[in-house]
Amino acid sequence: MIHIVGVGPAGASLAYYLKDEFKVRGYEIRKSPGAKPCAWAVPRSLEKYIKIPEEVILNKIYGQKIYLNNKLLSENYQRLPQGYILNKPSFIKWLLDGVDVKLGKSIKFKGQEPELRTRDGDITVIATGSIFHNESKWKFLTYQYILKDAKIEDDIIEIRFYTDFVGYIWVFPRGNKADVGIGGFLSHDELKARLDSFIKNDERFRYTKIERKEGAHIYAGGIKEELYNFKYPVIGEALGAVYPLTGEGIRPSIISSHALFRSIKYGKPFKEEFEKTGVPQQINFQKQLVEALLKAPPHLREVFIREYFKSSKNPL
C-alpha cells in the first residue's frame, strides 16, 4: 500500500500515476480536495507529464503580458494555447477517480513524521504543502479576489512586478470572471492595501462585484535538498517545488510526482529522476534571484527583473 498524506496537485497526481499498478490510499485534512486558493493556471508544457482533460479547462491562454511598475515590459502571443486556467477542484477530483481517499482526515505528526498505521513494505509519501515547513522567512502570503463583470480578455494572463517590494500582482481570467491577486514579502495588511488600490485604479474593475476573497501561504524557499534523504518521500510544495519568483506551484508539484512515480516503479533515485526534468535547478535559480531582489535597492531590482525576462524566452 502507498499512503499519500495530502491530495492537492502533488498528492493527487501521484495517486493518478500509481493507481493502476499499486494500491493507493490518500489522506486529506480538507473536506474538499483542491480547496487551497491559487490562480489555477498551468502552462501547456505540463501535458508532457499528464493529460489535461478538456472538461476541466476554463480558459485557454494564448498570450501573456509582463509589467514592471505598471509599464508593459514584455508580451507574447502564440497561435496555439500557451496554457490553461483549470477548474482545480474538478481536475483533482478527476485525478483521484477510483482512489481510496479519506477526506477530512487529520494526520498527526510527531516532529516531521506522520503517525500512520502501516505494514511492512508500505510506502508513505508526504504531500502536505507549505505547512510542512517551519521557516517563516520563506513563507509569503498570497491574497486574491474573484471578481464578476471585469472587463478583461479571457485568453490572456498578466503578471505585474514592482521595484518597491518583492512580489507581484496577477490578473488571470477564470471562466467569465477575473482572478486578481497579489503575493509577496509584505504583511497581510500591506498586501491587501496594494491589491485594493490596484483594483480601484484600474478601469477594467470599476463596476466589478467581489464574489470571493481568499488567501494562502506559499513556501518559496527552493528545493529542500535534505528531504531527498528523509525517511519518507516528500513531493510538491512540501519539498519546495514552487517557483519563488512567480509562486507557480501546480506544474512543479505534478512534475515532482511524476519523478517519484518513476522512482517507485523503476527503482531509480527520486532526486535523479526529478533533476532530469530541470525543474529543481530552475526553482533554485529563481530562489537565488529572489534573495538578490530582497537585498537590492529599487534601481537594482529593476535591472534584475528586466534582465531575467530579457533572457527568458517563455519565463512563466
C-alpha atoms as a PDB file:
ATOM      1  CA  MET A   1       0.000   0.000   0.000  1.00  0.00           C
ATOM      2  CA  ILE A   2       1.164   3.519  -0.811  1.00  0.00           C
ATOM      3  CA  HIS A   3      -0.167   6.121   1.630  1.00  0.00           C
ATOM      4  CA  ILE A   4      -0.241   9.707   0.359  1.00  0.00           C
ATOM      5  CA  VAL A   5      -0.651  12.376   3.027  1.00  0.00           C
ATOM      6  CA  GLY A   6      -2.229  15.360   1.290  1.00  0.00           C
ATOM      7  CA  VAL A   7      -4.062  15.201  -2.052  1.00  0.00           C
ATOM      8  CA  GLY A   8      -3.503  18.624  -3.557  1.00  0.00           C
ATOM      9  CA  PRO A   9      -1.935  18.727  -7.044  1.00  0.00           C
ATOM     10  CA  ALA A  10       1.164  16.787  -5.933  1.00  0.00           C
ATOM     11  CA  GLY A  11      -0.549  14.035  -3.961  1.00  0.00           C
ATOM     12  CA  ALA A  12      -3.492  13.652  -6.333  1.00  0.00           C
ATOM     13  CA  SER A  13      -1.288  13.405  -9.427  1.00  0.00           C
ATOM     14  CA  LEU A  14       0.928  10.814  -7.713  1.00  0.00           C
ATOM     15  CA  ALA A  15      -2.188   8.781  -6.938  1.00  0.00           C
ATOM     16  CA  TYR A  16      -3.224   9.107 -10.599  1.00  0.00           C
ATOM     17  CA  TYR A  17       0.132   7.773 -11.798  1.00  0.00           C
ATOM     18  CA  LEU A  18       0.170   4.888  -9.318  1.00  0.00           C
ATOM     19  CA  LYS A  19      -3.450   3.743  -9.100  1.00  0.00           C
ATOM     20  CA  ASP A  20      -3.383   1.265 -11.999  1.00  0.00           C
ATOM     21  CA  GLU A  21      -0.374  -0.656 -10.687  1.00  0.00           C
ATOM     22  CA  PHE A  22      -0.349  -0.161  -6.914  1.00  0.00           C
ATOM     23  CA  LYS A  23      -2.770   0.010  -4.016  1.00  0.00           C
ATOM     24  CA  VAL A  24      -3.058   3.679  -3.086  1.00  0.00           C
ATOM     25  CA  ARG A  25      -4.754   5.496  -0.237  1.00  0.00           C
ATOM     26  CA  GLY A  26      -4.906   9.259   0.161  1.00  0.00           C
ATOM     27  CA  TYR A  27      -5.479  11.358   3.286  1.00  0.00           C
ATOM     28  CA  GLU A  28      -6.710  14.934   3.095  1.00  0.00           C
ATOM     29  CA  ILE A  29      -7.414  17.284   6.004  1.00  0.00           C
ATOM     30  CA  ARG A  30      -9.826  19.349   3.900  1.00  0.00           C
ATOM     31  CA  LYS A  31     -13.273  18.008   3.111  1.00  0.00           C
ATOM     32  CA  SER A  32     -12.894  19.169  -0.485  1.00  0.00           C
ATOM     33  CA  PRO A  33      -9.633  18.435  -2.357  1.00  0.00           C
ATOM     34  CA  GLY A  34      -8.154  21.355  -4.253  1.00  0.00           C
ATOM     35  CA  ALA A  35      -9.641  23.976  -1.942  1.00  0.00           C
ATOM     36  CA  LYS A  36      -6.366  25.798  -1.262  1.00  0.00           C
ATOM     37  CA  PRO A  37      -6.607  29.183  -3.027  1.00  0.00           C
ATOM     38  CA  CYS A  38      -4.362  29.719  -6.041  1.00  0.00           C
ATOM     39  CA  ALA A  39      -4.609  31.105  -9.571  1.00  0.00           C
ATOM     40  CA  TRP A  40      -5.441  27.732 -11.223  1.00  0.00           C
ATOM     41  CA  ALA A  41      -3.039  28.339 -14.141  1.00  0.00           C
ATOM     42  CA  VAL A  42      -0.763  25.774 -15.810  1.00  0.00           C
ATOM     43  CA  PRO A  43       1.412  26.007 -18.937  1.00  0.00           C
ATOM     44  CA  ARG A  44       0.684  23.675 -21.844  1.00  0.00           C
ATOM     45  CA  SER A  45       4.114  22.082 -21.362  1.00  0.00           C
ATOM     46  CA  LEU A  46       2.627  20.234 -18.389  1.00  0.00           C
ATOM     47  CA  GLU A  47       0.936  17.907 -20.892  1.00  0.00           C
ATOM     48  CA  LYS A  48       4.301  16.255 -21.355  1.00  0.00           C
ATOM     49  CA  TYR A  49       3.711  14.757 -17.910  1.00  0.00           C
ATOM     50  CA  ILE A  50      -0.041  14.435 -17.522  1.00  0.00           C
ATOM     51  CA  LYS A  51      -3.209  14.513 -19.556  1.00  0.00           C
ATOM     52  CA  ILE A  52      -5.372  17.598 -19.023  1.00  0.00           C
ATOM     53  CA  PRO A  53      -8.987  16.674 -19.776  1.00  0.00           C
ATOM     54  CA  GLU A  54     -10.950  19.208 -21.799  1.00  0.00           C
ATOM     55  CA  GLU A  55     -13.789  19.232 -19.289  1.00  0.00           C
ATOM     56  CA  VAL A  56     -11.660  20.826 -16.544  1.00  0.00           C
ATOM     57  CA  ILE A  57     -10.298  23.657 -18.726  1.00  0.00           C
ATOM     58  CA  LEU A  58     -11.970  27.002 -18.007  1.00  0.00           C
ATOM     59  CA  ASN A  59      -9.826  29.159 -20.318  1.00  0.00           C
ATOM     60  CA  LYS A  60      -7.221  28.512 -22.980  1.00  0.00           C
ATOM     61  CA  ILE A  61      -4.420  31.056 -22.676  1.00  0.00           C
ATOM     62  CA  TYR A  62      -2.812  32.335 -25.878  1.00  0.00           C
ATOM     63  CA  GLY A  63      -0.875  35.305 -24.536  1.00  0.00           C
ATOM     64  CA  GLN A  64       0.880  36.761 -21.536  1.00  0.00           C
ATOM     65  CA  LYS A  65       1.864  40.261 -20.547  1.00  0.00           C
ATOM     66  CA  ILE A  66       4.567  41.170 -18.046  1.00  0.00           C
ATOM     67  CA  TYR A  67       4.593  44.599 -16.433  1.00  0.00           C
ATOM     68  CA  LEU A  68       7.197  46.396 -14.351  1.00  0.00           C
ATOM     69  CA  ASN A  69       5.910  49.265 -12.214  1.00  0.00           C
ATOM     70  CA  ASN A  70       2.689  49.113 -14.268  1.00  0.00           C
ATOM     71  CA  LYS A  71       4.532  49.645 -17.574  1.00  0.00           C
ATOM     72  CA  LEU A  72       4.483  46.866 -20.164  1.00  0.00           C
ATOM     73  CA  LEU A  73       7.809  45.032 -20.090  1.00  0.00           C
ATOM     74  CA  SER A  74       7.096  42.170 -22.490  1.00  0.00           C
ATOM     75  CA  GLU A  75       4.230  40.425 -24.212  1.00  0.00           C
ATOM     76  CA  ASN A  76       3.955  37.134 -26.004  1.00  0.00           C
ATOM     77  CA  TYR A  77       1.144  35.752 -28.157  1.00  0.00           C
ATOM     78  CA  GLN A  78       1.004  32.426 -29.940  1.00  0.00           C
ATOM     79  CA  ARG A  79      -1.312  30.702 -32.386  1.00  0.00           C
ATOM     80  CA  LEU A  80      -1.655  27.660 -30.127  1.00  0.00           C
ATOM     81  CA  PRO A  81      -2.537  27.840 -26.416  1.00  0.00           C
ATOM     82  CA  GLN A  82       0.389  28.584 -24.116  1.00  0.00           C
ATOM     83  CA  GLY A  83      -1.502  27.257 -21.124  1.00  0.00           C
ATOM     84  CA  TYR A  84      -4.808  26.790 -19.376  1.00  0.00           C
ATOM     85  CA  ILE A  85      -6.839  28.040 -16.465  1.00  0.00           C
ATOM     86  CA  LEU A  86      -8.132  24.875 -14.849  1.00  0.00           C
ATOM     87  CA  ASN A  87     -11.060  24.223 -12.600  1.00  0.00           C
ATOM     88  CA  LYS A  88      -8.608  22.974  -9.991  1.00  0.00           C
ATOM     89  CA  PRO A  89     -11.091  21.130  -7.717  1.00  0.00           C
ATOM     90  CA  SER A  90     -12.556  19.327 -10.750  1.00  0.00           C
ATOM     91  CA  PHE A  91      -9.079  18.478 -12.034  1.00  0.00           C
ATOM     92  CA  ILE A  92      -8.087  16.968  -8.698  1.00  0.00           C
ATOM     93  CA  LYS A  93     -11.363  15.067  -8.488  1.00  0.00           C
ATOM     94  CA  TRP A  94     -10.586  13.650 -11.944  1.00  0.00           C
ATOM     95  CA  LEU A  95      -7.088  12.652 -10.842  1.00  0.00           C
ATOM     96  CA  LEU A  96      -8.466  10.883  -7.768  1.00  0.00           C
ATOM     97  CA  ASP A  97     -11.158   8.914  -9.588  1.00  0.00           C
ATOM     98  CA  GLY A  98     -11.001   5.351  -8.308  1.00  0.00           C
ATOM     99  CA  VAL A  99      -8.592   6.180  -5.457  1.00  0.00           C
ATOM    100  CA  ASP A 100      -9.446   5.467  -1.822  1.00  0.00           C
ATOM    101  CA  VAL A 101      -9.284   8.920  -0.187  1.00  0.00           C
ATOM    102  CA  LYS A 102     -10.035   9.716   3.444  1.00  0.00           C
ATOM    103  CA  LEU A 103     -11.370  13.285   3.360  1.00  0.00           C
ATOM    104  CA  GLY A 104     -11.464  15.457   6.465  1.00  0.00           C
ATOM    105  CA  LYS A 105      -8.770  13.189   7.877  1.00  0.00           C
ATOM    106  CA  SER A 106      -6.182  14.940  10.014  1.00  0.00           C
ATOM    107  CA  ILE A 107      -2.927  13.001  10.243  1.00  0.00           C
ATOM    108  CA  LYS A 108      -0.942  13.761  13.381  1.00  0.00           C
ATOM    109  CA  PHE A 109       2.758  14.431  13.001  1.00  0.00           C
ATOM    110  CA  LYS A 110       5.456  13.649  15.519  1.00  0.00           C
ATOM    111  CA  GLY A 111       8.094  16.135  14.504  1.00  0.00           C
ATOM    112  CA  GLN A 112       8.047  15.726  10.735  1.00  0.00           C
ATOM    113  CA  GLU A 113       6.906  12.113  10.784  1.00  0.00           C
ATOM    114  CA  PRO A 114       3.241  11.246  10.125  1.00  0.00           C
ATOM    115  CA  GLU A 115       1.638   8.876  12.599  1.00  0.00           C
ATOM    116  CA  LEU A 116       0.029   6.257  10.359  1.00  0.00           C
ATOM    117  CA  ARG A 117      -0.641   2.590  10.866  1.00  0.00           C
ATOM    118  CA  THR A 118       1.288   0.914   8.092  1.00  0.00           C
ATOM    119  CA  ARG A 119       2.566  -2.554   7.295  1.00  0.00           C
ATOM    120  CA  ASP A 120       5.998  -3.729   6.278  1.00  0.00           C
ATOM    121  CA  GLY A 121       6.560  -2.853   2.664  1.00  0.00           C
ATOM    122  CA  ASP A 122       4.135   0.081   2.692  1.00  0.00           C
ATOM    123  CA  ILE A 123       5.320   3.458   1.445  1.00  0.00           C
ATOM    124  CA  THR A 124       4.220   6.761   2.997  1.00  0.00           C
ATOM    125  CA  VAL A 125       4.528   9.914   0.867  1.00  0.00           C
ATOM    126  CA  ILE A 126       4.298  13.436   2.285  1.00  0.00           C
ATOM    127  CA  ALA A 127       2.479  15.952   0.108  1.00  0.00           C
ATOM    128  CA  THR A 128       1.168  18.342   2.752  1.00  0.00           C
ATOM    129  CA  GLY A 129       2.211  21.613   1.121  1.00  0.00           C
ATOM    130  CA  SER A 130       3.575  24.668   2.898  1.00  0.00           C
ATOM    131  CA  ILE A 131       2.542  23.508   6.372  1.00  0.00           C
ATOM    132  CA  PHE A 132       5.449  21.038   6.273  1.00  0.00           C
ATOM    133  CA  HIS A 133       7.867  23.981   6.594  1.00  0.00           C
ATOM    134  CA  ASN A 134       8.583  25.996   9.725  1.00  0.00           C
ATOM    135  CA  GLU A 135      10.776  28.620   8.032  1.00  0.00           C
ATOM    136  CA  SER A 136       8.626  31.742   8.219  1.00  0.00           C
ATOM    137  CA  LYS A 137      11.307  33.704   6.331  1.00  0.00           C
ATOM    138  CA  TRP A 138      10.456  31.878   3.108  1.00  0.00           C
ATOM    139  CA  LYS A 139       6.700  31.668   3.532  1.00  0.00           C
ATOM    140  CA  PHE A 140       4.838  34.518   1.963  1.00  0.00           C
ATOM    141  CA  LEU A 141       1.158  35.299   1.745  1.00  0.00           C
ATOM    142  CA  THR A 142      -0.957  35.427  -1.390  1.00  0.00           C
ATOM    143  CA  TYR A 143      -4.300  37.176  -1.385  1.00  0.00           C
ATOM    144  CA  GLN A 144      -6.840  37.161  -4.203  1.00  0.00           C
ATOM    145  CA  TYR A 145     -10.296  38.367  -5.237  1.00  0.00           C
ATOM    146  CA  ILE A 146     -12.610  36.561  -7.637  1.00  0.00           C
ATOM    147  CA  LEU A 147     -14.422  39.360  -9.473  1.00  0.00           C
ATOM    148  CA  LYS A 148     -17.608  39.358 -11.547  1.00  0.00           C
ATOM    149  CA  ASP A 149     -18.149  41.697 -14.506  1.00  0.00           C
ATOM    150  CA  ALA A 150     -14.474  42.552 -15.007  1.00  0.00           C
ATOM    151  CA  LYS A 151     -13.502  43.863 -18.436  1.00  0.00           C
ATOM    152  CA  ILE A 152     -10.518  41.606 -19.084  1.00  0.00           C
ATOM    153  CA  GLU A 153      -9.555  39.380 -22.011  1.00  0.00           C
ATOM    154  CA  ASP A 154     -10.403  35.737 -21.390  1.00  0.00           C
ATOM    155  CA  ASP A 155      -7.353  34.283 -23.166  1.00  0.00           C
ATOM    156  CA  ILE A 156      -4.501  36.378 -21.726  1.00  0.00           C
ATOM    157  CA  ILE A 157      -2.763  36.411 -18.361  1.00  0.00           C
ATOM    158  CA  GLU A 158      -0.762  39.262 -16.910  1.00  0.00           C
ATOM    159  CA  ILE A 159       1.753  39.481 -14.098  1.00  0.00           C
ATOM    160  CA  ARG A 160       2.989  42.765 -12.669  1.00  0.00           C
ATOM    161  CA  PHE A 161       6.275  43.213 -10.824  1.00  0.00           C
ATOM    162  CA  TYR A 162       7.346  46.241  -8.834  1.00  0.00           C
ATOM    163  CA  THR A 163      10.610  47.678  -7.566  1.00  0.00           C
ATOM    164  CA  ASP A 164       9.340  48.920  -4.192  1.00  0.00           C
ATOM    165  CA  PHE A 165       8.560  45.406  -2.918  1.00  0.00           C
ATOM    166  CA  VAL A 166       9.462  41.831  -3.795  1.00  0.00           C
ATOM    167  CA  GLY A 167       6.322  40.219  -5.116  1.00  0.00           C
ATOM    168  CA  TYR A 168       3.767  40.501  -7.895  1.00  0.00           C
ATOM    169  CA  ILE A 169       0.168  41.177  -8.819  1.00  0.00           C
ATOM    170  CA  TRP A 170      -1.611  38.891 -11.247  1.00  0.00           C
ATOM    171  CA  VAL A 171      -4.709  39.287 -13.427  1.00  0.00           C
ATOM    172  CA  PHE A 172      -5.969  35.962 -14.756  1.00  0.00           C
ATOM    173  CA  PRO A 173      -9.300  35.023 -16.319  1.00  0.00           C
ATOM    174  CA  ARG A 174     -11.345  32.391 -14.530  1.00  0.00           C
ATOM    175  CA  GLY A 175     -14.115  31.353 -16.867  1.00  0.00           C
ATOM    176  CA  ASN A 176     -16.093  34.563 -17.385  1.00  0.00           C
ATOM    177  CA  LYS A 177     -14.716  36.095 -14.174  1.00  0.00           C
ATOM    178  CA  ALA A 178     -11.381  37.574 -13.127  1.00  0.00           C
ATOM    179  CA  ASP A 179      -8.885  36.291 -10.586  1.00  0.00           C
ATOM    180  CA  VAL A 180      -6.922  39.314  -9.361  1.00  0.00           C
ATOM    181  CA  GLY A 181      -4.370  38.663  -6.650  1.00  0.00           C
ATOM    182  CA  ILE A 182      -1.129  39.624  -5.000  1.00  0.00           C
ATOM    183  CA  GLY A 183       1.736  37.742  -3.412  1.00  0.00           C
ATOM    184  CA  GLY A 184       4.977  38.824  -1.851  1.00  0.00           C
ATOM    185  CA  PHE A 185       7.138  39.528   1.138  1.00  0.00           C
ATOM    186  CA  LEU A 186       4.851  42.032   2.864  1.00  0.00           C
ATOM    187  CA  SER A 187       2.353  41.813   5.714  1.00  0.00           C
ATOM    188  CA  HIS A 188      -1.256  40.825   5.093  1.00  0.00           C
ATOM    189  CA  ASP A 189      -2.438  44.417   5.598  1.00  0.00           C
ATOM    190  CA  GLU A 190       0.182  45.803   3.204  1.00  0.00           C
ATOM    191  CA  LEU A 191      -0.654  43.250   0.518  1.00  0.00           C
ATOM    192  CA  LYS A 192      -4.388  43.852   0.857  1.00  0.00           C
ATOM    193  CA  ALA A 193      -3.927  47.641   0.675  1.00  0.00           C
ATOM    194  CA  ARG A 194      -1.846  47.332  -2.505  1.00  0.00           C
ATOM    195  CA  LEU A 195      -4.326  44.960  -4.122  1.00  0.00           C
ATOM    196  CA  ASP A 196      -7.303  47.172  -3.213  1.00  0.00           C
ATOM    197  CA  SER A 197      -5.510  50.214  -4.613  1.00  0.00           C
ATOM    198  CA  PHE A 198      -4.654  48.401  -7.859  1.00  0.00           C
ATOM    199  CA  ILE A 199      -8.263  47.295  -8.393  1.00  0.00           C
ATOM    200  CA  LYS A 200      -9.645  50.721  -7.514  1.00  0.00           C
ATOM    201  CA  ASN A 201      -7.386  52.484 -10.027  1.00  0.00           C
ATOM    202  CA  ASP A 202      -7.814  50.073 -12.941  1.00  0.00           C
ATOM    203  CA  GLU A 203     -10.726  50.942 -15.231  1.00  0.00           C
ATOM    204  CA  ARG A 204     -11.342  47.279 -16.008  1.00  0.00           C
ATOM    205  CA  PHE A 205     -12.597  46.685 -12.472  1.00  0.00           C
ATOM    206  CA  ARG A 206     -14.688  49.828 -11.975  1.00  0.00           C
ATOM    207  CA  TYR A 207     -18.046  48.038 -11.966  1.00  0.00           C
ATOM    208  CA  THR A 208     -16.987  44.657 -10.635  1.00  0.00           C
ATOM    209  CA  LYS A 209     -18.512  42.764  -7.764  1.00  0.00           C
ATOM    210  CA  ILE A 210     -16.398  40.699  -5.398  1.00  0.00           C
ATOM    211  CA  GLU A 211     -17.611  37.113  -5.420  1.00  0.00           C
ATOM    212  CA  ARG A 212     -14.984  35.788  -3.047  1.00  0.00           C
ATOM    213  CA  LYS A 213     -11.882  36.807  -1.094  1.00  0.00           C
ATOM    214  CA  GLU A 214      -9.288  34.219  -0.150  1.00  0.00           C
ATOM    215  CA  GLY A 215      -5.665  33.794   0.728  1.00  0.00           C
ATOM    216  CA  ALA A 216      -2.955  31.217   1.408  1.00  0.00           C
ATOM    217  CA  HIS A 217       0.691  30.898   2.324  1.00  0.00           C
ATOM    218  CA  ILE A 218       3.277  29.767  -0.220  1.00  0.00           C
ATOM    219  CA  TYR A 219       6.675  28.281   0.579  1.00  0.00           C
ATOM    220  CA  ALA A 220       9.260  29.889  -1.701  1.00  0.00           C
ATOM    221  CA  GLY A 221      12.492  28.653  -0.141  1.00  0.00           C
ATOM    222  CA  GLY A 222      13.592  26.444  -3.026  1.00  0.00           C
ATOM    223  CA  ILE A 223      14.096  22.690  -3.113  1.00  0.00           C
ATOM    224  CA  LYS A 224      14.982  21.302   0.319  1.00  0.00           C
ATOM    225  CA  GLU A 225      17.893  19.053  -0.638  1.00  0.00           C
ATOM    226  CA  GLU A 226      17.978  17.287   2.725  1.00  0.00           C
ATOM    227  CA  LEU A 227      14.452  15.968   2.139  1.00  0.00           C
ATOM    228  CA  TYR A 228      15.698  13.705  -0.646  1.00  0.00           C
ATOM    229  CA  ASN A 229      17.255  11.654   2.167  1.00  0.00           C
ATOM    230  CA  PHE A 230      14.270  11.873   4.517  1.00  0.00           C
ATOM    231  CA  LYS A 231      12.682   8.703   5.868  1.00  0.00           C
ATOM    232  CA  TYR A 232       9.631   9.300   3.678  1.00  0.00           C
ATOM    233  CA  PRO A 233       9.445  10.609   0.103  1.00  0.00           C
ATOM    234  CA  VAL A 234       8.399  14.277   0.044  1.00  0.00           C
ATOM    235  CA  ILE A 235       6.853  15.893  -3.042  1.00  0.00           C
ATOM    236  CA  GLY A 236       5.252  19.110  -4.187  1.00  0.00           C
ATOM    237  CA  GLU A 237       5.335  22.257  -2.110  1.00  0.00           C
ATOM    238  CA  ALA A 238       6.411  20.216   0.925  1.00  0.00           C
ATOM    239  CA  LEU A 239       9.656  19.541  -0.969  1.00  0.00           C
ATOM    240  CA  GLY A 240       9.878  23.169  -2.083  1.00  0.00           C
ATOM    241  CA  ALA A 241       8.559  22.593  -5.612  1.00  0.00           C
ATOM    242  CA  VAL A 242       7.312  26.154  -6.144  1.00  0.00           C
ATOM    243  CA  TYR A 243       8.796  28.794  -8.435  1.00  0.00           C
ATOM    244  CA  PRO A 244       9.805  31.533  -5.954  1.00  0.00           C
ATOM    245  CA  LEU A 245       9.606  34.448  -8.383  1.00  0.00           C
ATOM    246  CA  THR A 246       6.012  33.853  -9.513  1.00  0.00           C
ATOM    247  CA  GLY A 247       4.580  31.485  -6.902  1.00  0.00           C
ATOM    248  CA  GLU A 248       3.682  28.911  -9.565  1.00  0.00           C
ATOM    249  CA  GLY A 249       3.154  25.573  -7.854  1.00  0.00           C
ATOM    250  CA  ILE A 250       0.804  23.254  -9.750  1.00  0.00           C
ATOM    251  CA  ARG A 251       3.212  22.421 -12.584  1.00  0.00           C
ATOM    252  CA  PRO A 252       6.363  21.765 -10.485  1.00  0.00           C
ATOM    253  CA  SER A 253       4.322  19.798  -7.940  1.00  0.00           C
ATOM    254  CA  ILE A 254       2.937  17.472 -10.608  1.00  0.00           C
ATOM    255  CA  ILE A 255       6.358  17.041 -12.198  1.00  0.00           C
ATOM    256  CA  SER A 256       7.798  16.101  -8.795  1.00  0.00           C
ATOM    257  CA  SER A 257       5.044  13.475  -8.507  1.00  0.00           C
ATOM    258  CA  HIS A 258       5.877  12.081 -11.922  1.00  0.00           C
ATOM    259  CA  ALA A 259       9.525  11.785 -10.876  1.00  0.00           C
ATOM    260  CA  LEU A 260       8.556   9.909  -7.700  1.00  0.00           C
ATOM    261  CA  PHE A 261       6.257   7.633  -9.679  1.00  0.00           C
ATOM    262  CA  ARG A 262       9.183   6.686 -11.932  1.00  0.00           C
ATOM    263  CA  SER A 263      11.348   6.195  -8.860  1.00  0.00           C
ATOM    264  CA  ILE A 264       8.829   3.821  -7.268  1.00  0.00           C
ATOM    265  CA  LYS A 265       8.047   1.927 -10.474  1.00  0.00           C
ATOM    266  CA  TYR A 266      11.595   1.531 -11.802  1.00  0.00           C
ATOM    267  CA  GLY A 267      13.617   1.668  -8.578  1.00  0.00           C
ATOM    268  CA  LYS A 268      15.545   4.784  -9.628  1.00  0.00           C
ATOM    269  CA  PRO A 269      16.654   7.547  -7.248  1.00  0.00           C
ATOM    270  CA  PHE A 270      13.924  10.160  -6.861  1.00  0.00           C
ATOM    271  CA  LYS A 271      16.369  13.076  -6.871  1.00  0.00           C
ATOM    272  CA  GLU A 272      17.908  11.856 -10.121  1.00  0.00           C
ATOM    273  CA  GLU A 273      14.519  11.496 -11.784  1.00  0.00           C
ATOM    274  CA  PHE A 274      13.353  14.932 -10.640  1.00  0.00           C
ATOM    275  CA  GLU A 275      16.550  16.691 -11.664  1.00  0.00           C
ATOM    276  CA  LYS A 276      16.311  15.173 -15.163  1.00  0.00           C
ATOM    277  CA  THR A 277      13.340  17.487 -15.709  1.00  0.00           C
ATOM    278  CA  GLY A 278      15.372  20.620 -14.943  1.00  0.00           C
ATOM    279  CA  VAL A 279      12.659  21.874 -12.585  1.00  0.00           C
ATOM    280  CA  PRO A 280      14.685  21.791  -9.332  1.00  0.00           C
ATOM    281  CA  GLN A 281      17.507  23.713 -10.996  1.00  0.00           C
ATOM    282  CA  GLN A 282      15.075  26.365 -12.290  1.00  0.00           C
ATOM    283  CA  ILE A 283      13.465  26.695  -8.873  1.00  0.00           C
ATOM    284  CA  ASN A 284      16.776  27.133  -7.100  1.00  0.00           C
ATOM    285  CA  PHE A 285      17.914  29.697  -9.665  1.00  0.00           C
ATOM    286  CA  GLN A 286      14.733  31.685  -9.021  1.00  0.00           C
ATOM    287  CA  LYS A 287      15.343  31.457  -5.279  1.00  0.00           C
ATOM    288  CA  GLN A 288      18.783  32.996  -5.779  1.00  0.00           C
ATOM    289  CA  LEU A 289      17.162  35.751  -7.832  1.00  0.00           C
ATOM    290  CA  VAL A 290      14.577  36.433  -5.110  1.00  0.00           C
ATOM    291  CA  GLU A 291      17.345  36.544  -2.484  1.00  0.00           C
ATOM    292  CA  ALA A 292      19.144  39.139  -4.595  1.00  0.00           C
ATOM    293  CA  LEU A 293      15.933  41.147  -5.047  1.00  0.00           C
ATOM    294  CA  LEU A 294      15.286  41.174  -1.301  1.00  0.00           C
ATOM    295  CA  LYS A 295      18.736  42.643  -0.656  1.00  0.00           C
ATOM    296  CA  ALA A 296      18.805  45.054  -3.606  1.00  0.00           C
ATOM    297  CA  PRO A 297      17.661  48.689  -3.704  1.00  0.00           C
ATOM    298  CA  PRO A 298      14.804  49.509  -6.132  1.00  0.00           C
ATOM    299  CA  HIS A 299      17.014  50.555  -9.060  1.00  0.00           C
ATOM    300  CA  LEU A 300      18.881  47.233  -8.983  1.00  0.00           C
ATOM    301  CA  ARG A 301      15.626  45.309  -8.672  1.00  0.00           C
ATOM    302  CA  GLU A 302      14.599  46.904 -11.949  1.00  0.00           C
ATOM    303  CA  VAL A 303      17.837  45.752 -13.587  1.00  0.00           C
ATOM    304  CA  PHE A 304      17.451  42.173 -12.286  1.00  0.00           C
ATOM    305  CA  ILE A 305      13.826  41.863 -13.402  1.00  0.00           C
ATOM    306  CA  ARG A 306      14.477  43.337 -16.840  1.00  0.00           C
ATOM    307  CA  GLU A 307      17.455  41.045 -17.429  1.00  0.00           C
ATOM    308  CA  TYR A 308      15.560  37.962 -16.262  1.00  0.00           C
ATOM    309  CA  PHE A 309      12.674  38.488 -18.656  1.00  0.00           C
ATOM    310  CA  LYS A 310      15.011  39.561 -21.440  1.00  0.00           C
ATOM    311  CA  SER A 311      16.976  36.321 -21.183  1.00  0.00           C
ATOM    312  CA  SER A 312      13.949  34.025 -20.727  1.00  0.00           C
ATOM    313  CA  LYS A 313      12.034  33.066 -23.851  1.00  0.00           C
ATOM    314  CA  ASN A 314       8.910  31.992 -22.016  1.00  0.00           C
ATOM    315  CA  PRO A 315       9.740  32.585 -18.333  1.00  0.00           C
ATOM    316  CA  LEU A 316       6.337  31.741 -16.965  1.00  0.00           C
END
